[in-house]
C-alpha atoms as a PDB file:
ATOM      1  CA  UNK A   1     -37.856 -62.065  57.197  1.00  0.00           C
ATOM      2  CA  UNK A   2     -34.093 -61.650  56.819  1.00  0.00           C
ATOM      3  CA  UNK A   3     -32.088 -59.160  58.861  1.00  0.00           C
ATOM      4  CA  UNK A   4     -28.822 -58.448  57.054  1.00  0.00           C
ATOM      5  CA  UNK A   5     -27.123 -56.365  59.783  1.00  0.00           C
ATOM      6  CA  UNK A   6     -26.959 -57.496  63.413  1.00  0.00           C
ATOM      7  CA  UNK A   7     -24.430 -57.730  66.251  1.00  0.00           C
ATOM      8  CA  UNK A   8     -25.669 -60.989  67.707  1.00  0.00           C
ATOM      9  CA  UNK A   9     -22.372 -62.896  67.942  1.00  0.00           C
ATOM     10  CA  UNK A  10     -21.297 -63.203  71.585  1.00  0.00           C
ATOM     11  CA  UNK A  11     -18.262 -61.428  72.992  1.00  0.00           C
ATOM     12  CA  UNK A  12     -16.805 -60.065  69.760  1.00  0.00           C
ATOM     13  CA  UNK A  13     -17.798 -56.385  69.760  1.00  0.00           C
ATOM     14  CA  UNK A  14     -20.292 -53.990  71.370  1.00  0.00           C
ATOM     15  CA  UNK A  15     -23.201 -56.323  70.691  1.00  0.00           C
ATOM     16  CA  UNK A  16     -24.120 -59.425  72.684  1.00  0.00           C
ATOM     17  CA  UNK A  17     -21.750 -59.899  75.615  1.00  0.00           C
ATOM     18  CA  UNK A  18     -22.132 -63.668  75.904  1.00  0.00           C
ATOM     19  CA  UNK A  19     -24.054 -66.639  74.541  1.00  0.00           C
ATOM     20  CA  UNK A  20     -26.911 -66.071  76.969  1.00  0.00           C
ATOM     21  CA  UNK A  21     -27.455 -62.570  75.602  1.00  0.00           C
ATOM     22  CA  UNK A  22     -27.155 -63.859  72.027  1.00  0.00           C
ATOM     23  CA  UNK A  23     -29.947 -66.332  72.763  1.00  0.00           C
ATOM     24  CA  UNK A  24     -32.120 -63.603  74.256  1.00  0.00           C
ATOM     25  CA  UNK A  25     -31.561 -61.523  71.125  1.00  0.00           C
ATOM     26  CA  UNK A  26     -32.447 -64.541  69.007  1.00  0.00           C
ATOM     27  CA  UNK A  27     -35.739 -65.013  70.845  1.00  0.00           C
ATOM     28  CA  UNK A  28     -36.585 -61.333  70.375  1.00  0.00           C
ATOM     29  CA  UNK A  29     -35.726 -61.562  66.682  1.00  0.00           C
ATOM     30  CA  UNK A  30     -38.095 -64.499  66.180  1.00  0.00           C
ATOM     31  CA  UNK A  31     -40.826 -62.573  68.002  1.00  0.00           C
ATOM     32  CA  UNK A  32     -40.214 -59.727  65.544  1.00  0.00           C
ATOM     33  CA  UNK A  33     -40.804 -62.022  62.575  1.00  0.00           C
ATOM     34  CA  UNK A  34     -37.146 -62.635  61.687  1.00  0.00           C
ATOM     35  CA  UNK A  35     -36.090 -66.140  60.650  1.00  0.00           C
ATOM     36  CA  UNK A  36     -32.578 -65.403  59.335  1.00  0.00           C
ATOM     37  CA  UNK A  37     -29.869 -63.037  60.562  1.00  0.00           C
ATOM     38  CA  UNK A  38     -26.555 -62.128  58.997  1.00  0.00           C
ATOM     39  CA  UNK A  39     -24.165 -61.634  61.892  1.00  0.00           C
ATOM     40  CA  UNK A  40     -22.030 -58.593  61.102  1.00  0.00           C
ATOM     41  CA  UNK A  41     -19.477 -57.891  63.845  1.00  0.00           C
ATOM     42  CA  UNK A  42     -17.356 -54.758  63.627  1.00  0.00           C
ATOM     43  CA  UNK A  43     -13.988 -55.029  61.926  1.00  0.00           C
ATOM     44  CA  UNK A  44     -11.121 -52.525  61.903  1.00  0.00           C
ATOM     45  CA  UNK A  45     -13.100 -49.742  63.616  1.00  0.00           C
ATOM     46  CA  UNK A  46     -10.150 -48.830  65.882  1.00  0.00           C
ATOM     47  CA  UNK A  47     -11.605 -50.990  68.648  1.00  0.00           C
ATOM     48  CA  UNK A  48     -12.609 -54.394  67.299  1.00  0.00           C
ATOM     49  CA  UNK A  49     -11.103 -56.779  64.771  1.00  0.00           C
ATOM     50  CA  UNK A  50     -13.035 -59.828  63.616  1.00  0.00           C
ATOM     51  CA  UNK A  51     -11.562 -61.670  60.656  1.00  0.00           C
ATOM     52  CA  UNK A  52     -13.334 -63.999  58.249  1.00  0.00           C
ATOM     53  CA  UNK A  53     -12.258 -67.277  59.847  1.00  0.00           C
ATOM     54  CA  UNK A  54     -13.044 -66.059  63.365  1.00  0.00           C
ATOM     55  CA  UNK A  55     -16.533 -64.948  62.350  1.00  0.00           C
ATOM     56  CA  UNK A  56     -17.384 -68.186  60.548  1.00  0.00           C
ATOM     57  CA  UNK A  57     -16.296 -70.219  63.584  1.00  0.00           C
ATOM     58  CA  UNK A  58     -18.393 -68.055  65.940  1.00  0.00           C
ATOM     59  CA  UNK A  59     -21.433 -68.323  63.666  1.00  0.00           C
ATOM     60  CA  UNK A  60     -21.198 -72.122  63.624  1.00  0.00           C
ATOM     61  CA  UNK A  61     -21.036 -72.238  67.414  1.00  0.00           C
ATOM     62  CA  UNK A  62     -24.019 -69.909  67.790  1.00  0.00           C
ATOM     63  CA  UNK A  63     -26.096 -71.947  65.324  1.00  0.00           C
ATOM     64  CA  UNK A  64     -25.334 -75.053  67.399  1.00  0.00           C
ATOM     65  CA  UNK A  65     -26.527 -73.232  70.531  1.00  0.00           C
ATOM     66  CA  UNK A  66     -29.730 -72.120  68.796  1.00  0.00           C
ATOM     67  CA  UNK A  67     -30.494 -75.688  67.720  1.00  0.00           C
ATOM     68  CA  UNK A  68     -29.838 -76.947  71.245  1.00  0.00           C
ATOM     69  CA  UNK A  69     -32.240 -74.339  72.682  1.00  0.00           C
ATOM     70  CA  UNK A  70     -34.892 -75.024  70.041  1.00  0.00           C
ATOM     71  CA  UNK A  71     -34.850 -71.459  68.704  1.00  0.00           C
ATOM     72  CA  UNK A  72     -35.983 -71.358  65.091  1.00  0.00           C
ATOM     73  CA  UNK A  73     -33.444 -68.863  63.796  1.00  0.00           C
ATOM     74  CA  UNK A  74     -30.589 -69.264  61.334  1.00  0.00           C
ATOM     75  CA  UNK A  75     -27.391 -67.211  61.585  1.00  0.00           C
ATOM     76  CA  UNK A  76     -25.336 -66.464  58.482  1.00  0.00           C
ATOM     77  CA  UNK A  77     -21.890 -64.916  58.420  1.00  0.00           C
ATOM     78  CA  UNK A  78     -20.996 -61.346  57.510  1.00  0.00           C
ATOM     79  CA  UNK A  79     -18.811 -58.463  58.628  1.00  0.00           C
ATOM     80  CA  UNK A  80     -19.193 -54.710  59.179  1.00  0.00           C
ATOM     81  CA  UNK A  81     -15.987 -53.190  57.852  1.00  0.00           C
ATOM     82  CA  UNK A  82     -14.930 -49.688  58.821  1.00  0.00           C
ATOM     83  CA  UNK A  83     -13.534 -48.160  55.658  1.00  0.00           C
ATOM     84  CA  UNK A  84      -9.752 -48.203  55.304  1.00  0.00           C
ATOM     85  CA  UNK A  85      -7.381 -47.973  52.379  1.00  0.00           C
ATOM     86  CA  UNK A  86      -5.970 -51.494  52.578  1.00  0.00           C
ATOM     87  CA  UNK A  87      -9.278 -53.328  52.661  1.00  0.00           C
ATOM     88  CA  UNK A  88      -8.689 -55.027  49.301  1.00  0.00           C
ATOM     89  CA  UNK A  89      -5.255 -56.200  50.412  1.00  0.00           C
ATOM     90  CA  UNK A  90      -6.881 -57.810  53.433  1.00  0.00           C
ATOM     91  CA  UNK A  91      -9.591 -59.252  51.183  1.00  0.00           C
ATOM     92  CA  UNK A  92      -6.841 -60.957  49.182  1.00  0.00           C
ATOM     93  CA  UNK A  93      -5.330 -62.194  52.455  1.00  0.00           C
ATOM     94  CA  UNK A  94      -8.607 -63.841  53.473  1.00  0.00           C
ATOM     95  CA  UNK A  95      -9.498 -61.482  56.343  1.00  0.00           C
ATOM     96  CA  UNK A  96     -12.427 -59.662  54.761  1.00  0.00           C
ATOM     97  CA  UNK A  97     -15.825 -61.347  54.633  1.00  0.00           C
ATOM     98  CA  UNK A  98     -18.518 -60.163  52.217  1.00  0.00           C
ATOM     99  CA  UNK A  99     -22.061 -60.876  53.410  1.00  0.00           C
ATOM    100  CA  UNK A 100     -22.589 -64.649  53.217  1.00  0.00           C
ATOM    101  CA  UNK A 101     -19.482 -64.696  50.980  1.00  0.00           C
ATOM    102  CA  UNK A 102     -21.538 -63.035  48.244  1.00  0.00           C
ATOM    103  CA  UNK A 103     -20.557 -60.068  46.080  1.00  0.00           C
ATOM    104  CA  UNK A 104     -22.011 -57.648  48.663  1.00  0.00           C
ATOM    105  CA  UNK A 105     -19.596 -55.981  51.090  1.00  0.00           C
ATOM    106  CA  UNK A 106     -20.588 -53.837  54.085  1.00  0.00           C
ATOM    107  CA  UNK A 107     -18.698 -50.556  54.461  1.00  0.00           C
ATOM    108  CA  UNK A 108     -19.043 -48.317  57.501  1.00  0.00           C
ATOM    109  CA  UNK A 109     -17.951 -44.666  57.485  1.00  0.00           C
ATOM    110  CA  UNK A 110     -16.749 -42.737  60.536  1.00  0.00           C
ATOM    111  CA  UNK A 111     -19.752 -41.010  62.106  1.00  0.00           C
ATOM    112  CA  UNK A 112     -18.581 -37.493  61.280  1.00  0.00           C
ATOM    113  CA  UNK A 113     -17.312 -37.631  57.714  1.00  0.00           C
ATOM    114  CA  UNK A 114     -16.775 -39.569  54.496  1.00  0.00           C
ATOM    115  CA  UNK A 115     -13.069 -40.126  53.739  1.00  0.00           C
ATOM    116  CA  UNK A 116     -11.800 -38.391  50.604  1.00  0.00           C
ATOM    117  CA  UNK A 117     -10.527 -41.632  49.103  1.00  0.00           C
ATOM    118  CA  UNK A 118     -13.957 -43.314  49.292  1.00  0.00           C
ATOM    119  CA  UNK A 119     -14.957 -42.851  45.658  1.00  0.00           C
ATOM    120  CA  UNK A 120     -11.666 -44.277  44.388  1.00  0.00           C
ATOM    121  CA  UNK A 121     -11.778 -47.195  46.830  1.00  0.00           C
ATOM    122  CA  UNK A 122     -15.374 -48.006  45.866  1.00  0.00           C
ATOM    123  CA  UNK A 123     -14.292 -48.004  42.219  1.00  0.00           C
ATOM    124  CA  UNK A 124     -11.496 -50.457  43.001  1.00  0.00           C
ATOM    125  CA  UNK A 125     -13.860 -52.626  45.069  1.00  0.00           C
ATOM    126  CA  UNK A 126     -16.265 -52.856  42.155  1.00  0.00           C
ATOM    127  CA  UNK A 127     -13.437 -53.734  39.772  1.00  0.00           C
ATOM    128  CA  UNK A 128     -12.986 -56.841  41.952  1.00  0.00           C
ATOM    129  CA  UNK A 129     -16.588 -57.811  41.312  1.00  0.00           C
ATOM    130  CA  UNK A 130     -17.781 -56.678  44.751  1.00  0.00           C
ATOM    131  CA  UNK A 131     -20.567 -54.209  45.508  1.00  0.00           C
ATOM    132  CA  UNK A 132     -20.088 -51.878  48.497  1.00  0.00           C
ATOM    133  CA  UNK A 133     -23.082 -51.318  50.759  1.00  0.00           C
ATOM    134  CA  UNK A 134     -22.856 -48.169  52.888  1.00  0.00           C
ATOM    135  CA  UNK A 135     -24.343 -48.966  56.293  1.00  0.00           C
ATOM    136  CA  UNK A 136     -26.480 -46.463  58.220  1.00  0.00           C
ATOM    137  CA  UNK A 137     -25.660 -43.400  56.030  1.00  0.00           C
ATOM    138  CA  UNK A 138     -28.502 -41.573  57.779  1.00  0.00           C
ATOM    139  CA  UNK A 139     -26.315 -41.278  60.878  1.00  0.00           C
ATOM    140  CA  UNK A 140     -23.284 -39.789  59.126  1.00  0.00           C
ATOM    141  CA  UNK A 141     -22.904 -36.055  59.781  1.00  0.00           C
ATOM    142  CA  UNK A 142     -21.329 -35.171  56.424  1.00  0.00           C
ATOM    143  CA  UNK A 143     -23.959 -37.083  54.479  1.00  0.00           C
ATOM    144  CA  UNK A 144     -26.729 -35.378  56.448  1.00  0.00           C
ATOM    145  CA  UNK A 145     -25.212 -31.987  55.589  1.00  0.00           C
ATOM    146  CA  UNK A 146     -24.280 -32.897  52.003  1.00  0.00           C
ATOM    147  CA  UNK A 147     -26.509 -35.720  50.732  1.00  0.00           C
ATOM    148  CA  UNK A 148     -25.041 -35.254  47.267  1.00  0.00           C
ATOM    149  CA  UNK A 149     -21.993 -37.153  48.610  1.00  0.00           C
ATOM    150  CA  UNK A 150     -24.150 -40.243  49.029  1.00  0.00           C
ATOM    151  CA  UNK A 151     -25.967 -39.697  45.754  1.00  0.00           C
ATOM    152  CA  UNK A 152     -22.659 -39.617  43.868  1.00  0.00           C
ATOM    153  CA  UNK A 153     -21.596 -42.936  45.427  1.00  0.00           C
ATOM    154  CA  UNK A 154     -24.923 -44.578  44.631  1.00  0.00           C
ATOM    155  CA  UNK A 155     -24.872 -43.220  41.084  1.00  0.00           C
ATOM    156  CA  UNK A 156     -21.504 -44.928  40.646  1.00  0.00           C
ATOM    157  CA  UNK A 157     -22.783 -48.310  41.820  1.00  0.00           C
ATOM    158  CA  UNK A 158     -22.773 -48.345  45.625  1.00  0.00           C
ATOM    159  CA  UNK A 159     -25.806 -49.448  47.631  1.00  0.00           C
ATOM    160  CA  UNK A 160     -27.016 -48.323  51.061  1.00  0.00           C
ATOM    161  CA  UNK A 161     -28.687 -49.822  54.129  1.00  0.00           C
ATOM    162  CA  UNK A 162     -30.789 -47.701  56.491  1.00  0.00           C
ATOM    163  CA  UNK A 163     -31.400 -48.789  60.086  1.00  0.00           C
ATOM    164  CA  UNK A 164     -34.923 -49.715  61.159  1.00  0.00           C
ATOM    165  CA  UNK A 165     -34.675 -47.766  64.419  1.00  0.00           C
ATOM    166  CA  UNK A 166     -33.654 -44.657  62.481  1.00  0.00           C
ATOM    167  CA  UNK A 167     -36.799 -44.833  60.363  1.00  0.00           C
ATOM    168  CA  UNK A 168     -38.969 -45.184  63.482  1.00  0.00           C
ATOM    169  CA  UNK A 169     -37.325 -42.267  65.281  1.00  0.00           C
ATOM    170  CA  UNK A 170     -35.338 -44.067  67.984  1.00  0.00           C
ATOM    171  CA  UNK A 171     -32.213 -42.079  67.073  1.00  0.00           C
ATOM    172  CA  UNK A 172     -34.056 -38.758  67.182  1.00  0.00           C
ATOM    173  CA  UNK A 173     -36.243 -36.612  64.972  1.00  0.00           C
ATOM    174  CA  UNK A 174     -33.513 -35.319  62.658  1.00  0.00           C
ATOM    175  CA  UNK A 175     -32.222 -38.791  61.803  1.00  0.00           C
ATOM    176  CA  UNK A 176     -35.786 -40.038  61.339  1.00  0.00           C
ATOM    177  CA  UNK A 177     -36.585 -37.228  58.918  1.00  0.00           C
ATOM    178  CA  UNK A 178     -33.374 -37.751  56.980  1.00  0.00           C
ATOM    179  CA  UNK A 179     -33.988 -41.508  56.788  1.00  0.00           C
ATOM    180  CA  UNK A 180     -37.337 -40.847  55.185  1.00  0.00           C
ATOM    181  CA  UNK A 181     -35.747 -38.403  52.764  1.00  0.00           C
ATOM    182  CA  UNK A 182     -33.315 -41.108  51.706  1.00  0.00           C
ATOM    183  CA  UNK A 183     -36.210 -43.504  51.143  1.00  0.00           C
ATOM    184  CA  UNK A 184     -38.121 -40.914  49.130  1.00  0.00           C
ATOM    185  CA  UNK A 185     -35.046 -40.089  47.046  1.00  0.00           C
ATOM    186  CA  UNK A 186     -34.467 -43.777  46.196  1.00  0.00           C
ATOM    187  CA  UNK A 187     -31.147 -43.646  48.008  1.00  0.00           C
ATOM    188  CA  UNK A 188     -31.551 -46.729  50.142  1.00  0.00           C
ATOM    189  CA  UNK A 189     -31.841 -50.349  49.080  1.00  0.00           C
ATOM    190  CA  UNK A 190     -32.015 -52.306  52.331  1.00  0.00           C
ATOM    191  CA  UNK A 191     -33.599 -51.937  55.755  1.00  0.00           C
ATOM    192  CA  UNK A 192     -31.913 -53.834  58.607  1.00  0.00           C
ATOM    193  CA  UNK A 193     -31.933 -53.735  62.395  1.00  0.00           C
ATOM    194  CA  UNK A 194     -28.280 -53.119  63.311  1.00  0.00           C
ATOM    195  CA  UNK A 195     -29.438 -54.596  66.629  1.00  0.00           C
ATOM    196  CA  UNK A 196     -26.878 -54.752  69.440  1.00  0.00           C
ATOM    197  CA  UNK A 197     -29.060 -55.899  72.358  1.00  0.00           C
ATOM    198  CA  UNK A 198     -32.698 -56.216  73.454  1.00  0.00           C
ATOM    199  CA  UNK A 199     -32.749 -53.021  75.500  1.00  0.00           C
ATOM    200  CA  UNK A 200     -31.824 -49.773  73.745  1.00  0.00           C
ATOM    201  CA  UNK A 201     -30.657 -51.229  70.387  1.00  0.00           C
ATOM    202  CA  UNK A 202     -33.204 -53.894  69.512  1.00  0.00           C
ATOM    203  CA  UNK A 203     -34.641 -55.051  66.171  1.00  0.00           C
ATOM    204  CA  UNK A 204     -37.746 -52.909  65.474  1.00  0.00           C
ATOM    205  CA  UNK A 205     -38.144 -54.527  62.048  1.00  0.00           C
ATOM    206  CA  UNK A 206     -41.850 -55.289  62.255  1.00  0.00           C
ATOM    207  CA  UNK A 207     -42.627 -51.807  63.552  1.00  0.00           C
ATOM    208  CA  UNK A 208     -40.550 -50.258  60.788  1.00  0.00           C
ATOM    209  CA  UNK A 209     -42.165 -52.179  57.962  1.00  0.00           C
ATOM    210  CA  UNK A 210     -45.619 -51.327  59.295  1.00  0.00           C
ATOM    211  CA  UNK A 211     -44.643 -47.663  59.231  1.00  0.00           C
ATOM    212  CA  UNK A 212     -43.196 -47.949  55.697  1.00  0.00           C
ATOM    213  CA  UNK A 213     -46.337 -49.700  54.474  1.00  0.00           C
ATOM    214  CA  UNK A 214     -48.574 -47.033  55.962  1.00  0.00           C
ATOM    215  CA  UNK A 215     -46.564 -44.139  54.524  1.00  0.00           C
ATOM    216  CA  UNK A 216     -45.273 -45.540  51.230  1.00  0.00           C
ATOM    217  CA  UNK A 217     -47.290 -48.646  50.423  1.00  0.00           C
ATOM    218  CA  UNK A 218     -46.933 -52.413  50.367  1.00  0.00           C
ATOM    219  CA  UNK A 219     -44.734 -52.524  47.274  1.00  0.00           C
ATOM    220  CA  UNK A 220     -41.865 -50.814  49.047  1.00  0.00           C
ATOM    221  CA  UNK A 221     -42.055 -53.260  51.951  1.00  0.00           C
ATOM    222  CA  UNK A 222     -41.866 -56.134  49.490  1.00  0.00           C
ATOM    223  CA  UNK A 223     -38.915 -54.509  47.719  1.00  0.00           C
ATOM    224  CA  UNK A 224     -36.823 -54.144  50.875  1.00  0.00           C
ATOM    225  CA  UNK A 225     -37.641 -57.648  52.083  1.00  0.00           C
ATOM    226  CA  UNK A 226     -36.958 -59.188  48.681  1.00  0.00           C
ATOM    227  CA  UNK A 227     -33.664 -57.310  48.329  1.00  0.00           C
ATOM    228  CA  UNK A 228     -32.430 -58.970  51.515  1.00  0.00           C
ATOM    229  CA  UNK A 229     -33.447 -62.367  50.135  1.00  0.00           C
ATOM    230  CA  UNK A 230     -31.704 -61.649  46.823  1.00  0.00           C
ATOM    231  CA  UNK A 231     -28.551 -60.590  48.663  1.00  0.00           C
ATOM    232  CA  UNK A 232     -28.401 -63.877  50.550  1.00  0.00           C
ATOM    233  CA  UNK A 233     -28.818 -65.692  47.234  1.00  0.00           C
ATOM    234  CA  UNK A 234     -26.033 -63.531  45.716  1.00  0.00           C
ATOM    235  CA  UNK A 235     -28.389 -62.198  43.056  1.00  0.00           C
ATOM    236  CA  UNK A 236     -28.887 -58.686  41.719  1.00  0.00           C
ATOM    237  CA  UNK A 237     -31.163 -56.544  43.877  1.00  0.00           C
ATOM    238  CA  UNK A 238     -33.831 -54.002  42.921  1.00  0.00           C
ATOM    239  CA  UNK A 239     -32.424 -50.467  42.877  1.00  0.00           C
ATOM    240  CA  UNK A 240     -35.483 -48.383  42.138  1.00  0.00           C
ATOM    241  CA  UNK A 241     -38.146 -48.030  44.824  1.00  0.00           C
ATOM    242  CA  UNK A 242     -41.731 -47.304  43.697  1.00  0.00           C
ATOM    243  CA  UNK A 243     -42.113 -44.193  45.850  1.00  0.00           C
ATOM    244  CA  UNK A 244     -43.978 -41.073  44.753  1.00  0.00           C
ATOM    245  CA  UNK A 245     -42.673 -37.890  46.361  1.00  0.00           C
ATOM    246  CA  UNK A 246     -44.549 -34.597  46.241  1.00  0.00           C
ATOM    247  CA  UNK A 247     -41.507 -32.401  46.947  1.00  0.00           C
ATOM    248  CA  UNK A 248     -38.907 -34.524  45.233  1.00  0.00           C
ATOM    249  CA  UNK A 249     -36.989 -31.592  43.684  1.00  0.00           C
ATOM    250  CA  UNK A 250     -36.516 -29.967  47.070  1.00  0.00           C
ATOM    251  CA  UNK A 251     -34.334 -32.828  48.300  1.00  0.00           C
ATOM    252  CA  UNK A 252     -33.124 -34.400  45.087  1.00  0.00           C
ATOM    253  CA  UNK A 253     -29.968 -32.436  44.376  1.00  0.00           C
ATOM    254  CA  UNK A 254     -29.415 -33.691  40.852  1.00  0.00           C
END
C-alpha cells in the first residue's frame, strides 16, 4: 500500500521531531500495511519552508536510516504546498516539488477559506502540465459550507485527497460525515494518512479501507489504492468512483 501524504521527515515541520520518531512512524506504517510513503513536509504555510533540494536530501538520509534499521519501507519525495500566488514562479526557480517529481502537485488551503484567486491559479498550474491535488478538503470550513466550491475546481481538472482519519471519525462527527459525502459525490480521488506521529495523528489506513469496503464495496478500495500507484508512476488516475448513492441529489449541487 502507498501512502501519498505523510509528515515522516524528521525535524522539518510539525511531524516527526527527530530520526528516532521517524523510525517509530515507519514501523507503525509497516504494521498498517504500508510499504511506500511519499514524504510531504509543509511548505510556505507561514511557519515552515521546505524546498525541493532540502526535501530530497532529507528523504535520502531517512531511506539510509531505514535500511540500516532493517525497516522494509521506502520513502519518496513530495511537498505539501500552502497555496500562494507566486507558486509557479517558485516552481520555475526549482523550489516547488510535485509528488515524486510527477505531474501531480499538492495544494493546501487555509483551514477557514478558499482564496479567491484559486480557480485562476489552478488554471495556470494546469497550463504548465501539472495537476493540482487539494489536500484534506473535508477540513476546510468554506468547502464544508459551500461544497460547490470544490465541485467547480474538480470539474475544471483538480483532484482531491481525503484523510483516512477523517473518514474514520478521528476529527469528529461532522468531518466524518462530510468526508463520506465527498466520497459518495465522487469528489475525492485519493485516500492518504496525513500522519504526523504515532499518537494522535497516526496512519489509520487499514482501518479506513476496511470501513470503505464495508460501506461502499471492494471496487472503491481498489480504485483508491490503484490511484496512488498510478500517481507514483506519473500515469493518469481514475476519476470516477463506482459508488451508488441513494440520496445523491440531496448533496450533489449540480
